[in-house]
PDB file of N, CA and C in Angstrom:
ATOM      1  N   UNK A   1       7.481  -4.614 -14.652  1.00  0.00           N
ATOM      2  CA  UNK A   1       6.158  -5.101 -14.337  1.00  0.00           C
ATOM      3  C   UNK A   1       5.506  -5.633 -15.606  1.00  0.00           C
ATOM      4  N   UNK A   2       6.268  -6.418 -16.284  1.00  0.00           N
ATOM      5  CA  UNK A   2       5.813  -7.012 -17.531  1.00  0.00           C
ATOM      6  C   UNK A   2       4.589  -7.896 -17.293  1.00  0.00           C
ATOM      7  N   UNK A   3       3.631  -7.777 -18.183  1.00  0.00           N
ATOM      8  CA  UNK A   3       2.441  -8.600 -18.095  1.00  0.00           C
ATOM      9  C   UNK A   3       1.287  -7.951 -17.351  1.00  0.00           C
ATOM     10  N   UNK A   4       1.537  -6.816 -16.720  1.00  0.00           N
ATOM     11  CA  UNK A   4       0.479  -6.105 -16.013  1.00  0.00           C
ATOM     12  C   UNK A   4      -0.062  -4.992 -16.896  1.00  0.00           C
ATOM     13  N   UNK A   5      -1.357  -4.717 -16.749  1.00  0.00           N
ATOM     14  CA  UNK A   5      -1.958  -3.644 -17.538  1.00  0.00           C
ATOM     15  C   UNK A   5      -1.495  -2.295 -16.999  1.00  0.00           C
ATOM     16  N   UNK A   6      -1.545  -1.264 -17.839  1.00  0.00           N
ATOM     17  CA  UNK A   6      -1.185   0.079 -17.370  1.00  0.00           C
ATOM     18  C   UNK A   6      -2.030   0.510 -16.166  1.00  0.00           C
ATOM     19  N   UNK A   7      -3.297   0.116 -16.149  1.00  0.00           N
ATOM     20  CA  UNK A   7      -4.181   0.471 -15.033  1.00  0.00           C
ATOM     21  C   UNK A   7      -3.696  -0.182 -13.730  1.00  0.00           C
ATOM     22  N   UNK A   8      -3.307  -1.440 -13.808  1.00  0.00           N
ATOM     23  CA  UNK A   8      -2.808  -2.153 -12.630  1.00  0.00           C
ATOM     24  C   UNK A   8      -1.520  -1.521 -12.115  1.00  0.00           C
ATOM     25  N   UNK A   9      -0.632  -1.190 -13.010  1.00  0.00           N
ATOM     26  CA  UNK A   9       0.633  -0.555 -12.623  1.00  0.00           C
ATOM     27  C   UNK A   9       0.367   0.785 -11.953  1.00  0.00           C
ATOM     28  N   UNK A  10      -0.557   1.559 -12.513  1.00  0.00           N
ATOM     29  CA  UNK A  10      -0.902   2.861 -11.924  1.00  0.00           C
ATOM     30  C   UNK A  10      -1.481   2.663 -10.519  1.00  0.00           C
ATOM     31  N   UNK A  11      -2.361   1.684 -10.357  1.00  0.00           N
ATOM     32  CA  UNK A  11      -2.963   1.417  -9.046  1.00  0.00           C
ATOM     33  C   UNK A  11      -1.896   1.024  -8.028  1.00  0.00           C
ATOM     34  N   UNK A  12      -0.945   0.192  -8.445  1.00  0.00           N
ATOM     35  CA  UNK A  12       0.145  -0.199  -7.554  1.00  0.00           C
ATOM     36  C   UNK A  12       0.983   1.011  -7.152  1.00  0.00           C
ATOM     37  N   UNK A  13       1.269   1.890  -8.107  1.00  0.00           N
ATOM     38  CA  UNK A  13       2.062   3.090  -7.805  1.00  0.00           C
ATOM     39  C   UNK A  13       1.344   3.986  -6.811  1.00  0.00           C
ATOM     40  N   UNK A  14       0.043   4.185  -7.015  1.00  0.00           N
ATOM     41  CA  UNK A  14      -0.736   5.041  -6.117  1.00  0.00           C
ATOM     42  C   UNK A  14      -0.706   4.473  -4.701  1.00  0.00           C
ATOM     43  N   UNK A  15      -0.956   3.169  -4.574  1.00  0.00           N
ATOM     44  CA  UNK A  15      -0.982   2.565  -3.246  1.00  0.00           C
ATOM     45  C   UNK A  15       0.396   2.543  -2.594  1.00  0.00           C
ATOM     46  N   UNK A  16       1.415   2.320  -3.383  1.00  0.00           N
ATOM     47  CA  UNK A  16       2.774   2.336  -2.842  1.00  0.00           C
ATOM     48  C   UNK A  16       3.147   3.730  -2.357  1.00  0.00           C
ATOM     49  N   UNK A  17       2.768   4.755  -3.110  1.00  0.00           N
ATOM     50  CA  UNK A  17       3.031   6.134  -2.683  1.00  0.00           C
ATOM     51  C   UNK A  17       2.262   6.473  -1.411  1.00  0.00           C
ATOM     52  N   UNK A  18       1.037   5.976  -1.289  1.00  0.00           N
ATOM     53  CA  UNK A  18       0.249   6.188  -0.075  1.00  0.00           C
ATOM     54  C   UNK A  18       0.937   5.535   1.122  1.00  0.00           C
ATOM     55  N   UNK A  19       1.430   4.340   0.919  1.00  0.00           N
ATOM     56  CA  UNK A  19       2.145   3.619   1.972  1.00  0.00           C
ATOM     57  C   UNK A  19       3.414   4.361   2.379  1.00  0.00           C
ATOM     58  N   UNK A  20       4.149   4.855   1.412  1.00  0.00           N
ATOM     59  CA  UNK A  20       5.383   5.603   1.687  1.00  0.00           C
ATOM     60  C   UNK A  20       5.076   6.876   2.471  1.00  0.00           C
ATOM     61  N   UNK A  21       4.022   7.585   2.084  1.00  0.00           N
ATOM     62  CA  UNK A  21       3.650   8.808   2.815  1.00  0.00           C
ATOM     63  C   UNK A  21       3.242   8.484   4.254  1.00  0.00           C
ATOM     64  N   UNK A  22       2.537   7.398   4.438  1.00  0.00           N
ATOM     65  CA  UNK A  22       2.087   6.999   5.772  1.00  0.00           C
ATOM     66  C   UNK A  22       3.280   6.735   6.692  1.00  0.00           C
ATOM     67  N   UNK A  23       4.307   6.092   6.156  1.00  0.00           N
ATOM     68  CA  UNK A  23       5.488   5.746   6.942  1.00  0.00           C
ATOM     69  C   UNK A  23       6.658   6.679   6.661  1.00  0.00           C
ATOM     70  N   UNK A  24       6.368   7.929   6.370  1.00  0.00           N
ATOM     71  CA  UNK A  24       7.395   8.881   5.926  1.00  0.00           C
ATOM     72  C   UNK A  24       8.568   9.032   6.894  1.00  0.00           C
ATOM     73  N   UNK A  25       8.327   8.874   8.181  1.00  0.00           N
ATOM     74  CA  UNK A  25       9.391   9.084   9.163  1.00  0.00           C
ATOM     75  C   UNK A  25      10.033   7.782   9.640  1.00  0.00           C
ATOM     76  N   UNK A  26       9.691   6.684   8.998  1.00  0.00           N
ATOM     77  CA  UNK A  26      10.211   5.382   9.418  1.00  0.00           C
ATOM     78  C   UNK A  26      11.093   4.811   8.312  1.00  0.00           C
ATOM     79  N   UNK A  27      12.244   4.314   8.700  1.00  0.00           N
ATOM     80  CA  UNK A  27      13.133   3.644   7.752  1.00  0.00           C
ATOM     81  C   UNK A  27      12.441   2.373   7.268  1.00  0.00           C
ATOM     82  N   UNK A  28      12.257   2.255   5.972  1.00  0.00           N
ATOM     83  CA  UNK A  28      11.512   1.126   5.403  1.00  0.00           C
ATOM     84  C   UNK A  28      12.110  -0.222   5.798  1.00  0.00           C
ATOM     85  N   UNK A  29      13.393  -0.260   6.045  1.00  0.00           N
ATOM     86  CA  UNK A  29      14.042  -1.517   6.425  1.00  0.00           C
ATOM     87  C   UNK A  29      13.677  -1.961   7.834  1.00  0.00           C
ATOM     88  N   UNK A  30      13.108  -1.052   8.617  1.00  0.00           N
ATOM     89  CA  UNK A  30      12.735  -1.404   9.985  1.00  0.00           C
ATOM     90  C   UNK A  30      11.250  -1.720  10.126  1.00  0.00           C
ATOM     91  N   UNK A  31      10.481  -1.613   9.034  1.00  0.00           N
ATOM     92  CA  UNK A  31       9.049  -1.904   9.102  1.00  0.00           C
ATOM     93  C   UNK A  31       8.818  -3.360   9.471  1.00  0.00           C
ATOM     94  N   UNK A  32       7.824  -3.554  10.307  1.00  0.00           N
ATOM     95  CA  UNK A  32       7.468  -4.903  10.725  1.00  0.00           C
ATOM     96  C   UNK A  32       6.090  -5.267  10.173  1.00  0.00           C
ATOM     97  N   UNK A  33       5.763  -6.524  10.281  1.00  0.00           N
ATOM     98  CA  UNK A  33       4.428  -6.972   9.890  1.00  0.00           C
ATOM     99  C   UNK A  33       3.378  -6.239  10.709  1.00  0.00           C
ATOM    100  N   UNK A  34       3.673  -6.014  11.964  1.00  0.00           N
ATOM    101  CA  UNK A  34       2.739  -5.295  12.838  1.00  0.00           C
ATOM    102  C   UNK A  34       2.521  -3.865  12.347  1.00  0.00           C
ATOM    103  N   UNK A  35       3.573  -3.195  11.889  1.00  0.00           N
ATOM    104  CA  UNK A  35       3.437  -1.847  11.321  1.00  0.00           C
ATOM    105  C   UNK A  35       2.488  -1.868  10.129  1.00  0.00           C
ATOM    106  N   UNK A  36       2.654  -2.861   9.264  1.00  0.00           N
ATOM    107  CA  UNK A  36       1.808  -2.953   8.070  1.00  0.00           C
ATOM    108  C   UNK A  36       0.363  -3.281   8.432  1.00  0.00           C
ATOM    109  N   UNK A  37       0.170  -4.128   9.434  1.00  0.00           N
ATOM    110  CA  UNK A  37      -1.190  -4.419   9.905  1.00  0.00           C
ATOM    111  C   UNK A  37      -1.845  -3.151  10.428  1.00  0.00           C
ATOM    112  N   UNK A  38      -1.088  -2.355  11.176  1.00  0.00           N
ATOM    113  CA  UNK A  38      -1.621  -1.106  11.720  1.00  0.00           C
ATOM    114  C   UNK A  38      -1.987  -0.143  10.594  1.00  0.00           C
ATOM    115  N   UNK A  39      -1.176  -0.097   9.555  1.00  0.00           N
ATOM    116  CA  UNK A  39      -1.471   0.724   8.376  1.00  0.00           C
ATOM    117  C   UNK A  39      -2.813   0.311   7.778  1.00  0.00           C
ATOM    118  N   UNK A  40      -3.023  -0.976   7.606  1.00  0.00           N
ATOM    119  CA  UNK A  40      -4.280  -1.457   7.031  1.00  0.00           C
ATOM    120  C   UNK A  40      -5.467  -1.118   7.921  1.00  0.00           C
ATOM    121  N   UNK A  41      -5.297  -1.269   9.223  1.00  0.00           N
ATOM    122  CA  UNK A  41      -6.371  -0.929  10.159  1.00  0.00           C
ATOM    123  C   UNK A  41      -6.701   0.557  10.076  1.00  0.00           C
ATOM    124  N   UNK A  42      -5.674   1.393  10.035  1.00  0.00           N
ATOM    125  CA  UNK A  42      -5.883   2.842  10.026  1.00  0.00           C
ATOM    126  C   UNK A  42      -6.402   3.374   8.699  1.00  0.00           C
ATOM    127  N   UNK A  43      -6.180   2.662   7.619  1.00  0.00           N
ATOM    128  CA  UNK A  43      -6.594   3.173   6.309  1.00  0.00           C
ATOM    129  C   UNK A  43      -7.807   2.460   5.730  1.00  0.00           C
ATOM    130  N   UNK A  44      -8.241   1.369   6.321  1.00  0.00           N
ATOM    131  CA  UNK A  44      -9.318   0.582   5.709  1.00  0.00           C
ATOM    132  C   UNK A  44     -10.625   1.348   5.553  1.00  0.00           C
ATOM    133  N   UNK A  45     -10.900   2.290   6.446  1.00  0.00           N
ATOM    134  CA  UNK A  45     -12.137   3.063   6.349  1.00  0.00           C
ATOM    135  C   UNK A  45     -12.083   4.100   5.239  1.00  0.00           C
ATOM    136  N   UNK A  46     -10.887   4.396   4.743  1.00  0.00           N
ATOM    137  CA  UNK A  46     -10.715   5.418   3.713  1.00  0.00           C
ATOM    138  C   UNK A  46     -10.438   4.826   2.337  1.00  0.00           C
ATOM    139  N   UNK A  47     -10.256   3.521   2.271  1.00  0.00           N
ATOM    140  CA  UNK A  47      -9.928   2.879   1.002  1.00  0.00           C
ATOM    141  C   UNK A  47     -11.105   2.065   0.485  1.00  0.00           C
ATOM    142  N   UNK A  48     -11.246   2.033  -0.814  1.00  0.00           N
ATOM    143  CA  UNK A  48     -12.256   1.196  -1.448  1.00  0.00           C
ATOM    144  C   UNK A  48     -11.784  -0.254  -1.386  1.00  0.00           C
ATOM    145  N   UNK A  49     -12.713  -1.211  -1.476  1.00  0.00           N
ATOM    146  CA  UNK A  49     -12.310  -2.625  -1.437  1.00  0.00           C
ATOM    147  C   UNK A  49     -11.230  -2.989  -2.456  1.00  0.00           C
ATOM    148  N   UNK A  50     -11.306  -2.427  -3.654  1.00  0.00           N
ATOM    149  CA  UNK A  50     -10.285  -2.726  -4.671  1.00  0.00           C
ATOM    150  C   UNK A  50      -8.919  -2.210  -4.233  1.00  0.00           C
ATOM    151  N   UNK A  51      -8.896  -1.065  -3.564  1.00  0.00           N
ATOM    152  CA  UNK A  51      -7.629  -0.515  -3.078  1.00  0.00           C
ATOM    153  C   UNK A  51      -7.044  -1.388  -1.977  1.00  0.00           C
ATOM    154  N   UNK A  52      -7.903  -1.887  -1.102  1.00  0.00           N
ATOM    155  CA  UNK A  52      -7.419  -2.784  -0.052  1.00  0.00           C
ATOM    156  C   UNK A  52      -6.832  -4.054  -0.653  1.00  0.00           C
ATOM    157  N   UNK A  53      -7.451  -4.546  -1.705  1.00  0.00           N
ATOM    158  CA  UNK A  53      -6.922  -5.734  -2.378  1.00  0.00           C
ATOM    159  C   UNK A  53      -5.557  -5.436  -2.981  1.00  0.00           C
ATOM    160  N   UNK A  54      -5.399  -4.240  -3.545  1.00  0.00           N
ATOM    161  CA  UNK A  54      -4.112  -3.849  -4.120  1.00  0.00           C
ATOM    162  C   UNK A  54      -3.050  -3.779  -3.036  1.00  0.00           C
ATOM    163  N   UNK A  55      -3.386  -3.198  -1.909  1.00  0.00           N
ATOM    164  CA  UNK A  55      -2.435  -3.085  -0.804  1.00  0.00           C
ATOM    165  C   UNK A  55      -2.016  -4.467  -0.331  1.00  0.00           C
ATOM    166  N   UNK A  56      -2.948  -5.394  -0.275  1.00  0.00           N
ATOM    167  CA  UNK A  56      -2.590  -6.727   0.208  1.00  0.00           C
ATOM    168  C   UNK A  56      -1.633  -7.435  -0.740  1.00  0.00           C
ATOM    169  N   UNK A  57      -1.666  -7.075  -2.015  1.00  0.00           N
ATOM    170  CA  UNK A  57      -0.741  -7.656  -2.991  1.00  0.00           C
ATOM    171  C   UNK A  57       0.654  -7.100  -2.788  1.00  0.00           C
ATOM    172  N   UNK A  58       0.736  -5.808  -2.466  1.00  0.00           N
ATOM    173  CA  UNK A  58       2.036  -5.174  -2.272  1.00  0.00           C
ATOM    174  C   UNK A  58       2.700  -5.767  -1.056  1.00  0.00           C
TER     175      UNK A  58
END
């Protein structure tokens, strides 16, 4: 992740770990766009705007 600040890398790791925990029982190779949309819908009330922006980058 060359060129990214340590803060950005940490934020990406946190959001990626949150995503992994959310889909803990699903094989990542079978995730669909619809699954990811549902994740965003279900988590948007609990995430700050900056976190939502980070998730959209991932």
